C-alpha cells in the first residue's frame, strides 16, 4: 500500500513501529499526543489484583462504564475519543486523498473506532477485539467512515499470530 503520511503516538513502541515504514518511504512520522495510550493514572504499572485491592470502587466503576469513569487519576474513554478524534479531523483536513497510516495503541484504537462508527464509547472493550500488532482499516467516503478491516494480523507469521496474550 502507498502511504501519503504516517501519524503516530509519541510513545517509544509506536515510534519503533512507524520508523521502518517511514524510512522506507522517505517521510517523517508526524507524532501526536492525541494518539497516546489511555492514561491509567494511579494504576500505571500495577496489576489488576493490586488495582482492585487499592482502588476497588474506582475499578468497579471503570469496568462497568469506562466512558464516564476513569482509572483513578486517569482518563475516560470519552476524553480519549475527543483527543484522538482531533487527530483524525486534522488528517482529513490535510490529506483529502491518499492513504494515511495511524500507529497507536489497543485501547486508543478501539475507542477511536467506536467513536467513528457511532458505537457507545463505554463498550469499547465489549464490541471489538484488537490484538497487538494488528491492522484495522477505515475508509472515509461519501457516507462517512467505513470499517473494512478489524484487527487483521495476516502480515505476521503464524507463530506470532497464535501467541497467547497478544
C-alpha atoms as a PDB file:
ATOM      1  CA  UNK A   1       0.000   0.000   0.000  1.00  0.00           C
ATOM      2  CA  UNK A   2       1.218   3.505  -0.760  1.00  0.00           C
ATOM      3  CA  UNK A   3       1.268   5.836   2.239  1.00  0.00           C
ATOM      4  CA  UNK A   4       0.858   9.572   1.899  1.00  0.00           C
ATOM      5  CA  UNK A   5       1.623  10.221   5.563  1.00  0.00           C
ATOM      6  CA  UNK A   6       2.221   8.429   8.843  1.00  0.00           C
ATOM      7  CA  UNK A   7       0.849   9.678  12.166  1.00  0.00           C
ATOM      8  CA  UNK A   8       1.934   8.042  15.421  1.00  0.00           C
ATOM      9  CA  UNK A   9       1.705   8.295  19.154  1.00  0.00           C
ATOM     10  CA  UNK A  10       4.931   9.776  20.534  1.00  0.00           C
ATOM     11  CA  UNK A  11       5.485   6.733  22.749  1.00  0.00           C
ATOM     12  CA  UNK A  12       8.572   4.564  22.128  1.00  0.00           C
ATOM     13  CA  UNK A  13       6.807   1.411  20.914  1.00  0.00           C
ATOM     14  CA  UNK A  14       4.680   3.230  18.346  1.00  0.00           C
ATOM     15  CA  UNK A  15       7.668   5.189  17.053  1.00  0.00           C
ATOM     16  CA  UNK A  16       9.573   1.895  16.760  1.00  0.00           C
ATOM     17  CA  UNK A  17       6.682   0.533  14.685  1.00  0.00           C
ATOM     18  CA  UNK A  18       6.322   3.611  12.484  1.00  0.00           C
ATOM     19  CA  UNK A  19      10.006   4.334  11.794  1.00  0.00           C
ATOM     20  CA  UNK A  20      10.822   1.405   9.458  1.00  0.00           C
ATOM     21  CA  UNK A  21       7.820   2.256   7.286  1.00  0.00           C
ATOM     22  CA  UNK A  22       8.719   5.951   7.283  1.00  0.00           C
ATOM     23  CA  UNK A  23      12.367   5.170   6.486  1.00  0.00           C
ATOM     24  CA  UNK A  24      11.309   3.034   3.524  1.00  0.00           C
ATOM     25  CA  UNK A  25       9.041   5.831   2.266  1.00  0.00           C
ATOM     26  CA  UNK A  26      11.470   8.651   2.986  1.00  0.00           C
ATOM     27  CA  UNK A  27       8.970  10.505   5.176  1.00  0.00           C
ATOM     28  CA  UNK A  28       8.948  11.598   8.811  1.00  0.00           C
ATOM     29  CA  UNK A  29       6.295  10.295  11.187  1.00  0.00           C
ATOM     30  CA  UNK A  30       4.001  13.006  12.485  1.00  0.00           C
ATOM     31  CA  UNK A  31       3.791  12.480  16.236  1.00  0.00           C
ATOM     32  CA  UNK A  32       0.564  13.405  18.010  1.00  0.00           C
ATOM     33  CA  UNK A  33      -0.253  13.249  21.724  1.00  0.00           C
ATOM     34  CA  UNK A  34      -3.868  12.563  20.784  1.00  0.00           C
ATOM     35  CA  UNK A  35      -2.825   9.061  19.734  1.00  0.00           C
ATOM     36  CA  UNK A  36      -1.261   8.118  23.091  1.00  0.00           C
ATOM     37  CA  UNK A  37      -2.494   5.139  25.078  1.00  0.00           C
ATOM     38  CA  UNK A  38      -5.122   5.521  27.770  1.00  0.00           C
ATOM     39  CA  UNK A  39      -3.743   7.251  30.871  1.00  0.00           C
ATOM     40  CA  UNK A  40      -4.158   4.890  33.812  1.00  0.00           C
ATOM     41  CA  UNK A  41      -3.159   7.442  36.461  1.00  0.00           C
ATOM     42  CA  UNK A  42      -2.503   5.820  39.853  1.00  0.00           C
ATOM     43  CA  UNK A  43      -2.988   2.404  38.265  1.00  0.00           C
ATOM     44  CA  UNK A  44       0.060   2.656  35.978  1.00  0.00           C
ATOM     45  CA  UNK A  45       2.433  -0.294  36.380  1.00  0.00           C
ATOM     46  CA  UNK A  46       0.070  -2.122  38.756  1.00  0.00           C
ATOM     47  CA  UNK A  47      -1.529  -5.481  38.050  1.00  0.00           C
ATOM     48  CA  UNK A  48      -5.335  -5.853  38.170  1.00  0.00           C
ATOM     49  CA  UNK A  49      -5.272  -7.543  41.600  1.00  0.00           C
ATOM     50  CA  UNK A  50      -3.401  -4.592  43.128  1.00  0.00           C
ATOM     51  CA  UNK A  51      -5.747  -2.108  41.475  1.00  0.00           C
ATOM     52  CA  UNK A  52      -8.828  -3.954  42.756  1.00  0.00           C
ATOM     53  CA  UNK A  53      -7.371  -4.051  46.267  1.00  0.00           C
ATOM     54  CA  UNK A  54      -6.253  -0.413  46.371  1.00  0.00           C
ATOM     55  CA  UNK A  55      -8.958   1.238  44.256  1.00  0.00           C
ATOM     56  CA  UNK A  56     -11.886  -1.191  44.397  1.00  0.00           C
ATOM     57  CA  UNK A  57     -14.776   1.235  43.883  1.00  0.00           C
ATOM     58  CA  UNK A  58     -12.995   3.167  41.116  1.00  0.00           C
ATOM     59  CA  UNK A  59     -12.040  -0.091  39.411  1.00  0.00           C
ATOM     60  CA  UNK A  60     -15.611  -1.411  39.520  1.00  0.00           C
ATOM     61  CA  UNK A  61     -16.979   1.860  38.114  1.00  0.00           C
ATOM     62  CA  UNK A  62     -14.358   1.872  35.337  1.00  0.00           C
ATOM     63  CA  UNK A  63     -15.057  -1.752  34.432  1.00  0.00           C
ATOM     64  CA  UNK A  64     -18.798  -1.030  34.315  1.00  0.00           C
ATOM     65  CA  UNK A  65     -18.768   2.316  32.497  1.00  0.00           C
ATOM     66  CA  UNK A  66     -15.355   3.499  31.234  1.00  0.00           C
ATOM     67  CA  UNK A  67     -16.856   6.255  29.089  1.00  0.00           C
ATOM     68  CA  UNK A  68     -17.551   8.321  32.202  1.00  0.00           C
ATOM     69  CA  UNK A  69     -15.454   6.690  34.955  1.00  0.00           C
ATOM     70  CA  UNK A  70     -11.678   6.908  34.610  1.00  0.00           C
ATOM     71  CA  UNK A  71      -8.984   4.887  36.321  1.00  0.00           C
ATOM     72  CA  UNK A  72      -8.029   6.777  39.495  1.00  0.00           C
ATOM     73  CA  UNK A  73      -6.299   9.920  38.207  1.00  0.00           C
ATOM     74  CA  UNK A  74      -6.541   8.685  34.616  1.00  0.00           C
ATOM     75  CA  UNK A  75      -8.824   9.438  31.704  1.00  0.00           C
ATOM     76  CA  UNK A  76     -12.187   8.270  30.445  1.00  0.00           C
ATOM     77  CA  UNK A  77     -12.810   6.761  27.041  1.00  0.00           C
ATOM     78  CA  UNK A  78     -14.743   9.949  26.226  1.00  0.00           C
ATOM     79  CA  UNK A  79     -11.596  12.011  26.843  1.00  0.00           C
ATOM     80  CA  UNK A  80      -9.551   9.633  24.690  1.00  0.00           C
ATOM     81  CA  UNK A  81     -12.118   9.819  21.901  1.00  0.00           C
ATOM     82  CA  UNK A  82     -12.007  13.626  21.988  1.00  0.00           C
ATOM     83  CA  UNK A  83      -8.221  13.812  21.670  1.00  0.00           C
ATOM     84  CA  UNK A  84      -7.988  11.039  19.056  1.00  0.00           C
ATOM     85  CA  UNK A  85     -10.861  12.479  17.017  1.00  0.00           C
ATOM     86  CA  UNK A  86      -8.991  15.795  16.813  1.00  0.00           C
ATOM     87  CA  UNK A  87      -6.094  13.949  15.134  1.00  0.00           C
ATOM     88  CA  UNK A  88      -8.466  12.219  12.700  1.00  0.00           C
ATOM     89  CA  UNK A  89     -10.012  15.606  11.841  1.00  0.00           C
ATOM     90  CA  UNK A  90      -6.532  17.027  11.201  1.00  0.00           C
ATOM     91  CA  UNK A  91      -5.729  14.099   8.899  1.00  0.00           C
ATOM     92  CA  UNK A  92      -8.987  14.530   6.983  1.00  0.00           C
ATOM     93  CA  UNK A  93      -8.386  18.255   6.539  1.00  0.00           C
ATOM     94  CA  UNK A  94      -4.763  17.852   5.480  1.00  0.00           C
ATOM     95  CA  UNK A  95      -4.966  14.686   3.366  1.00  0.00           C
ATOM     96  CA  UNK A  96      -8.126  14.633   1.326  1.00  0.00           C
ATOM     97  CA  UNK A  97      -6.684  11.909  -0.905  1.00  0.00           C
ATOM     98  CA  UNK A  98      -4.243   9.081  -0.310  1.00  0.00           C
ATOM     99  CA  UNK A  99      -3.667   6.568   2.431  1.00  0.00           C
ATOM    100  CA  UNK A 100      -2.646   7.730   5.895  1.00  0.00           C
ATOM    101  CA  UNK A 101      -1.219   5.259   8.395  1.00  0.00           C
ATOM    102  CA  UNK A 102      -2.042   5.830  12.060  1.00  0.00           C
ATOM    103  CA  UNK A 103       0.098   3.974  14.615  1.00  0.00           C
ATOM    104  CA  UNK A 104      -1.428   3.937  18.083  1.00  0.00           C
ATOM    105  CA  UNK A 105      -2.365   1.634  20.971  1.00  0.00           C
ATOM    106  CA  UNK A 106      -5.011  -1.037  21.580  1.00  0.00           C
ATOM    107  CA  UNK A 107      -7.410   0.907  23.806  1.00  0.00           C
ATOM    108  CA  UNK A 108      -6.989   4.142  21.871  1.00  0.00           C
ATOM    109  CA  UNK A 109      -7.629   2.411  18.548  1.00  0.00           C
ATOM    110  CA  UNK A 110     -10.734   0.618  19.846  1.00  0.00           C
ATOM    111  CA  UNK A 111     -12.103   3.861  21.317  1.00  0.00           C
ATOM    112  CA  UNK A 112     -11.311   5.771  18.119  1.00  0.00           C
ATOM    113  CA  UNK A 113     -13.105   3.136  16.035  1.00  0.00           C
ATOM    114  CA  UNK A 114     -16.150   3.198  18.330  1.00  0.00           C
ATOM    115  CA  UNK A 115     -16.263   6.969  18.057  1.00  0.00           C
ATOM    116  CA  UNK A 116     -16.008   6.912  14.261  1.00  0.00           C
ATOM    117  CA  UNK A 117     -18.640   4.185  13.912  1.00  0.00           C
ATOM    118  CA  UNK A 118     -21.149   5.540  16.442  1.00  0.00           C
ATOM    119  CA  UNK A 119     -20.653   2.737  18.983  1.00  0.00           C
ATOM    120  CA  UNK A 120     -21.113   3.531  22.690  1.00  0.00           C
ATOM    121  CA  UNK A 121     -17.661   4.532  23.983  1.00  0.00           C
ATOM    122  CA  UNK A 122     -18.302   2.730  27.243  1.00  0.00           C
ATOM    123  CA  UNK A 123     -18.488  -0.552  25.339  1.00  0.00           C
ATOM    124  CA  UNK A 124     -15.126  -0.331  23.547  1.00  0.00           C
ATOM    125  CA  UNK A 125     -13.819  -3.435  25.357  1.00  0.00           C
ATOM    126  CA  UNK A 126     -17.031  -5.359  24.634  1.00  0.00           C
ATOM    127  CA  UNK A 127     -17.524  -4.530  20.952  1.00  0.00           C
ATOM    128  CA  UNK A 128     -14.132  -5.070  19.358  1.00  0.00           C
ATOM    129  CA  UNK A 129     -11.011  -7.105  19.813  1.00  0.00           C
ATOM    130  CA  UNK A 130      -7.710  -5.501  18.995  1.00  0.00           C
ATOM    131  CA  UNK A 131      -4.780  -7.910  19.064  1.00  0.00           C
ATOM    132  CA  UNK A 132      -1.338  -6.338  19.365  1.00  0.00           C
ATOM    133  CA  UNK A 133       0.441  -5.695  16.054  1.00  0.00           C
ATOM    134  CA  UNK A 134      -2.866  -5.831  14.185  1.00  0.00           C
ATOM    135  CA  UNK A 135      -4.121  -3.708  11.332  1.00  0.00           C
ATOM    136  CA  UNK A 136      -7.540  -2.107  11.019  1.00  0.00           C
ATOM    137  CA  UNK A 137      -8.632  -0.097   8.004  1.00  0.00           C
ATOM    138  CA  UNK A 138     -11.188   2.685   7.858  1.00  0.00           C
ATOM    139  CA  UNK A 139     -12.124   4.297   4.553  1.00  0.00           C
ATOM    140  CA  UNK A 140     -13.711   7.720   4.590  1.00  0.00           C
ATOM    141  CA  UNK A 141     -16.269   8.176   1.872  1.00  0.00           C
ATOM    142  CA  UNK A 142     -19.411   9.936   0.912  1.00  0.00           C
ATOM    143  CA  UNK A 143     -21.396   8.487   3.826  1.00  0.00           C
ATOM    144  CA  UNK A 144     -18.668   8.753   6.463  1.00  0.00           C
ATOM    145  CA  UNK A 145     -16.258   6.180   7.863  1.00  0.00           C
ATOM    146  CA  UNK A 146     -16.479   2.558   6.722  1.00  0.00           C
ATOM    147  CA  UNK A 147     -14.576  -0.114   8.679  1.00  0.00           C
ATOM    148  CA  UNK A 148     -13.161  -2.519   6.097  1.00  0.00           C
ATOM    149  CA  UNK A 149     -10.701  -4.486   8.274  1.00  0.00           C
ATOM    150  CA  UNK A 150     -10.566  -5.037  12.016  1.00  0.00           C
ATOM    151  CA  UNK A 151      -7.671  -6.499  13.978  1.00  0.00           C
ATOM    152  CA  UNK A 152      -6.098  -8.248  10.998  1.00  0.00           C
ATOM    153  CA  UNK A 153      -2.753  -9.978  11.630  1.00  0.00           C
ATOM    154  CA  UNK A 154      -2.104 -11.858   8.395  1.00  0.00           C
ATOM    155  CA  UNK A 155       1.131  -9.918   7.927  1.00  0.00           C
ATOM    156  CA  UNK A 156       2.582 -11.747  10.950  1.00  0.00           C
ATOM    157  CA  UNK A 157       3.976 -15.270  10.930  1.00  0.00           C
ATOM    158  CA  UNK A 158       1.595 -17.979  12.101  1.00  0.00           C
ATOM    159  CA  UNK A 159       3.678 -18.447  15.255  1.00  0.00           C
ATOM    160  CA  UNK A 160       3.299 -14.768  16.184  1.00  0.00           C
ATOM    161  CA  UNK A 161      -0.425 -14.723  15.336  1.00  0.00           C
ATOM    162  CA  UNK A 162      -1.065 -17.669  17.625  1.00  0.00           C
ATOM    163  CA  UNK A 163       0.904 -16.459  20.647  1.00  0.00           C
ATOM    164  CA  UNK A 164      -1.252 -16.383  23.757  1.00  0.00           C
ATOM    165  CA  UNK A 165      -1.830 -12.965  25.318  1.00  0.00           C
ATOM    166  CA  UNK A 166      -1.138 -10.991  22.163  1.00  0.00           C
END
